[in-house]
Amino acid sequence: MAALPIDAILPALTAALADAGRAVLQAPPGAGKTTRVPLAMLEADLTRGKIIMLEPRRIAARAAAERLAEGLDETPGQTVGYRMRG
């Protein structure tokens, strides 16, 4: 995977999440918030359950799930999945 702007702060972000359990992340579109942060949280073993992400559009939800699954060398439905209402 090509480097994204968010990659530089992932160690600090995961450390903050491990320490305080929460963080506020602000970055421009395309920085890697959707595709890199959940995988970094998973890799750092910061969750005991599910990581739930909300995407306002169906296409974005599907694309994000496919990209996250691709990062794990899986297909959607294994570790990463998505659900749409309606």
N, C-alpha and C. Protein backbone atom coordinates (compact mmCIF):
# COMPACT_ATOMS: atom_id res chain seq x y z
N MET A 1 0.84 -1.19 0.00
CA MET A 1 0.00 0.00 0.00
C MET A 1 0.88 1.25 0.00
N ALA A 2 0.45 2.22 -0.73
CA ALA A 2 1.17 3.49 -0.78
C ALA A 2 0.98 4.24 0.54
N ALA A 3 1.95 5.03 0.90
CA ALA A 3 1.88 5.81 2.14
C ALA A 3 0.81 6.89 2.01
N LEU A 4 0.12 7.13 3.12
CA LEU A 4 -0.89 8.19 3.19
C LEU A 4 -0.50 9.15 4.30
N PRO A 5 -0.99 10.40 4.26
CA PRO A 5 -0.63 11.38 5.29
C PRO A 5 -0.90 10.92 6.72
N ILE A 6 -1.93 10.12 6.94
CA ILE A 6 -2.29 9.68 8.29
C ILE A 6 -1.27 8.71 8.88
N ASP A 7 -0.50 8.05 8.03
CA ASP A 7 0.45 7.04 8.49
C ASP A 7 1.45 7.60 9.51
N ALA A 8 1.84 8.85 9.35
CA ALA A 8 2.84 9.45 10.23
C ALA A 8 2.35 9.59 11.67
N ILE A 9 1.04 9.74 11.87
CA ILE A 9 0.54 9.94 13.23
C ILE A 9 -0.12 8.70 13.83
N LEU A 10 -0.16 7.59 13.09
CA LEU A 10 -0.81 6.39 13.61
C LEU A 10 -0.20 5.90 14.93
N PRO A 11 1.12 5.90 15.10
CA PRO A 11 1.65 5.48 16.41
C PRO A 11 1.17 6.36 17.56
N ALA A 12 1.14 7.67 17.36
CA ALA A 12 0.66 8.58 18.40
C ALA A 12 -0.84 8.39 18.65
N LEU A 13 -1.59 8.16 17.59
CA LEU A 13 -3.03 7.94 17.73
C LEU A 13 -3.32 6.66 18.50
N THR A 14 -2.67 5.57 18.13
CA THR A 14 -2.92 4.31 18.84
C THR A 14 -2.45 4.39 20.29
N ALA A 15 -1.38 5.14 20.55
CA ALA A 15 -0.92 5.33 21.94
C ALA A 15 -1.95 6.12 22.73
N ALA A 16 -2.52 7.16 22.13
CA ALA A 16 -3.55 7.96 22.81
C ALA A 16 -4.79 7.12 23.07
N LEU A 17 -5.18 6.30 22.11
CA LEU A 17 -6.35 5.44 22.29
C LEU A 17 -6.09 4.39 23.38
N ALA A 18 -4.89 3.84 23.42
CA ALA A 18 -4.56 2.86 24.45
C ALA A 18 -4.54 3.51 25.82
N ASP A 19 -4.08 4.75 25.90
CA ASP A 19 -3.96 5.44 27.18
C ASP A 19 -5.30 5.98 27.67
N ALA A 20 -6.00 6.73 26.82
CA ALA A 20 -7.22 7.42 27.24
C ALA A 20 -8.50 6.76 26.76
N GLY A 21 -8.40 5.90 25.76
CA GLY A 21 -9.60 5.24 25.24
C GLY A 21 -10.37 6.06 24.24
N ARG A 22 -9.90 7.25 23.95
CA ARG A 22 -10.59 8.10 22.97
C ARG A 22 -9.61 9.13 22.41
N ALA A 23 -9.93 9.62 21.25
CA ALA A 23 -9.11 10.65 20.60
C ALA A 23 -9.96 11.35 19.57
N VAL A 24 -9.61 12.56 19.25
CA VAL A 24 -10.26 13.30 18.18
C VAL A 24 -9.26 13.39 17.04
N LEU A 25 -9.71 12.97 15.89
CA LEU A 25 -8.85 12.95 14.72
C LEU A 25 -9.47 13.82 13.65
N GLN A 26 -8.71 14.79 13.18
CA GLN A 26 -9.18 15.66 12.12
C GLN A 26 -8.12 15.66 11.02
N ALA A 27 -8.54 15.32 9.83
CA ALA A 27 -7.63 15.28 8.69
C ALA A 27 -8.45 15.51 7.43
N PRO A 28 -7.82 16.01 6.38
CA PRO A 28 -8.56 16.28 5.15
C PRO A 28 -8.98 14.98 4.45
N PRO A 29 -9.92 15.09 3.52
CA PRO A 29 -10.32 13.91 2.74
C PRO A 29 -9.12 13.30 2.03
N GLY A 30 -9.08 11.99 2.02
CA GLY A 30 -8.00 11.29 1.33
C GLY A 30 -6.77 11.06 2.17
N ALA A 31 -6.81 11.46 3.44
CA ALA A 31 -5.64 11.32 4.32
C ALA A 31 -5.46 9.89 4.80
N GLY A 32 -6.54 9.09 4.79
CA GLY A 32 -6.44 7.71 5.23
C GLY A 32 -7.18 7.40 6.51
N LYS A 33 -8.06 8.29 6.93
CA LYS A 33 -8.80 8.07 8.18
C LYS A 33 -9.64 6.80 8.13
N THR A 34 -10.35 6.61 7.06
CA THR A 34 -11.26 5.47 6.94
C THR A 34 -10.52 4.16 6.72
N THR A 35 -9.46 4.19 5.94
CA THR A 35 -8.79 2.95 5.56
C THR A 35 -7.65 2.55 6.49
N ARG A 36 -6.99 3.50 7.12
CA ARG A 36 -5.82 3.15 7.93
C ARG A 36 -6.11 3.04 9.43
N VAL A 37 -6.95 3.93 9.97
CA VAL A 37 -7.17 3.97 11.42
C VAL A 37 -7.80 2.69 11.94
N PRO A 38 -8.87 2.16 11.34
CA PRO A 38 -9.45 0.92 11.87
C PRO A 38 -8.46 -0.25 11.86
N LEU A 39 -7.66 -0.36 10.80
CA LEU A 39 -6.68 -1.44 10.73
C LEU A 39 -5.58 -1.26 11.77
N ALA A 40 -5.19 -0.01 12.03
CA ALA A 40 -4.19 0.26 13.08
C ALA A 40 -4.75 -0.09 14.45
N MET A 41 -6.03 0.20 14.68
CA MET A 41 -6.66 -0.15 15.95
C MET A 41 -6.72 -1.67 16.11
N LEU A 42 -7.05 -2.35 15.04
CA LEU A 42 -7.12 -3.81 15.07
C LEU A 42 -5.73 -4.41 15.34
N GLU A 43 -4.73 -3.88 14.65
CA GLU A 43 -3.36 -4.37 14.81
C GLU A 43 -2.81 -4.10 16.21
N ALA A 44 -3.19 -2.97 16.81
CA ALA A 44 -2.73 -2.61 18.15
C ALA A 44 -3.55 -3.29 19.24
N ASP A 45 -4.52 -4.11 18.83
CA ASP A 45 -5.38 -4.84 19.77
C ASP A 45 -6.09 -3.88 20.73
N LEU A 46 -6.67 -2.82 20.18
CA LEU A 46 -7.34 -1.81 20.98
C LEU A 46 -8.82 -2.08 21.19
N THR A 47 -9.35 -3.11 20.58
CA THR A 47 -10.78 -3.39 20.71
C THR A 47 -11.00 -4.79 21.22
N ARG A 48 -12.07 -4.95 21.94
CA ARG A 48 -12.46 -6.28 22.42
C ARG A 48 -13.67 -6.79 21.63
N GLY A 49 -14.20 -5.95 20.79
CA GLY A 49 -15.39 -6.32 20.03
C GLY A 49 -15.28 -5.81 18.62
N LYS A 50 -16.29 -5.11 18.21
CA LYS A 50 -16.36 -4.60 16.85
C LYS A 50 -15.90 -3.16 16.78
N ILE A 51 -15.39 -2.80 15.64
CA ILE A 51 -15.13 -1.40 15.31
C ILE A 51 -16.26 -1.01 14.38
N ILE A 52 -17.07 -0.06 14.78
CA ILE A 52 -18.21 0.36 13.98
C ILE A 52 -17.90 1.71 13.37
N MET A 53 -18.01 1.77 12.06
CA MET A 53 -17.78 3.01 11.33
C MET A 53 -19.08 3.39 10.63
N LEU A 54 -19.37 4.65 10.61
CA LEU A 54 -20.56 5.13 9.91
C LEU A 54 -20.15 5.87 8.66
N GLU A 55 -20.73 5.50 7.57
CA GLU A 55 -20.50 6.17 6.29
C GLU A 55 -21.86 6.67 5.80
N PRO A 56 -21.94 7.91 5.36
CA PRO A 56 -23.24 8.46 4.98
C PRO A 56 -23.79 7.93 3.65
N ARG A 57 -22.95 7.36 2.83
CA ARG A 57 -23.42 6.89 1.52
C ARG A 57 -23.16 5.41 1.35
N ARG A 58 -24.06 4.73 0.68
CA ARG A 58 -23.94 3.29 0.47
C ARG A 58 -22.67 2.92 -0.30
N ILE A 59 -22.37 3.68 -1.32
CA ILE A 59 -21.18 3.39 -2.13
C ILE A 59 -19.93 3.54 -1.28
N ALA A 60 -19.89 4.57 -0.43
CA ALA A 60 -18.73 4.79 0.43
C ALA A 60 -18.58 3.66 1.44
N ALA A 61 -19.69 3.18 1.99
CA ALA A 61 -19.63 2.08 2.96
C ALA A 61 -19.09 0.81 2.31
N ARG A 62 -19.59 0.50 1.15
CA ARG A 62 -19.12 -0.69 0.45
C ARG A 62 -17.65 -0.58 0.05
N ALA A 63 -17.28 0.58 -0.47
CA ALA A 63 -15.89 0.80 -0.89
C ALA A 63 -14.93 0.73 0.31
N ALA A 64 -15.34 1.31 1.43
CA ALA A 64 -14.49 1.28 2.63
C ALA A 64 -14.31 -0.16 3.12
N ALA A 65 -15.39 -0.92 3.15
CA ALA A 65 -15.30 -2.32 3.60
C ALA A 65 -14.39 -3.12 2.66
N GLU A 66 -14.54 -2.91 1.37
CA GLU A 66 -13.70 -3.64 0.42
C GLU A 66 -12.23 -3.26 0.57
N ARG A 67 -11.97 -1.98 0.78
CA ARG A 67 -10.58 -1.51 0.93
C ARG A 67 -9.96 -2.03 2.23
N LEU A 68 -10.72 -2.02 3.33
CA LEU A 68 -10.22 -2.55 4.60
C LEU A 68 -9.96 -4.04 4.50
N ALA A 69 -10.87 -4.77 3.89
CA ALA A 69 -10.68 -6.21 3.72
C ALA A 69 -9.46 -6.49 2.86
N GLU A 70 -9.28 -5.69 1.83
CA GLU A 70 -8.11 -5.84 0.95
C GLU A 70 -6.82 -5.64 1.74
N GLY A 71 -6.83 -4.70 2.68
CA GLY A 71 -5.66 -4.46 3.53
C GLY A 71 -5.31 -5.64 4.42
N LEU A 72 -6.30 -6.50 4.66
CA LEU A 72 -6.09 -7.71 5.46
C LEU A 72 -5.94 -8.95 4.58
N ASP A 73 -5.89 -8.76 3.26
CA ASP A 73 -5.83 -9.86 2.30
C ASP A 73 -7.02 -10.80 2.47
N GLU A 74 -8.18 -10.22 2.64
CA GLU A 74 -9.42 -10.97 2.79
C GLU A 74 -10.48 -10.41 1.84
N THR A 75 -11.63 -11.02 1.88
CA THR A 75 -12.79 -10.48 1.18
C THR A 75 -13.76 -9.96 2.22
N PRO A 76 -14.61 -9.00 1.87
CA PRO A 76 -15.60 -8.51 2.83
C PRO A 76 -16.48 -9.67 3.31
N GLY A 77 -16.75 -9.65 4.61
CA GLY A 77 -17.54 -10.70 5.20
C GLY A 77 -16.74 -11.58 6.14
N GLN A 78 -15.43 -11.47 6.10
CA GLN A 78 -14.58 -12.22 7.02
C GLN A 78 -14.38 -11.34 8.26
N THR A 79 -13.24 -10.69 8.36
CA THR A 79 -12.99 -9.80 9.49
C THR A 79 -13.75 -8.49 9.32
N VAL A 80 -13.82 -8.00 8.11
CA VAL A 80 -14.48 -6.72 7.80
C VAL A 80 -15.78 -6.98 7.07
N GLY A 81 -16.83 -6.30 7.48
CA GLY A 81 -18.11 -6.44 6.79
C GLY A 81 -18.80 -5.09 6.75
N TYR A 82 -19.97 -5.05 6.18
CA TYR A 82 -20.75 -3.83 6.15
C TYR A 82 -22.22 -4.18 6.14
N ARG A 83 -23.01 -3.25 6.62
CA ARG A 83 -24.46 -3.42 6.65
C ARG A 83 -25.09 -2.09 6.28
N MET A 84 -26.13 -2.16 5.48
CA MET A 84 -26.84 -0.95 5.08
C MET A 84 -28.27 -1.05 5.53
N ARG A 85 -28.80 0.05 6.00
CA ARG A 85 -30.19 0.04 6.44
C ARG A 85 -31.09 0.29 5.23
N GLY A 86 -32.32 -0.11 5.38
CA GLY A 86 -33.30 0.15 4.33
C GLY A 86 -33.11 -0.74 3.21
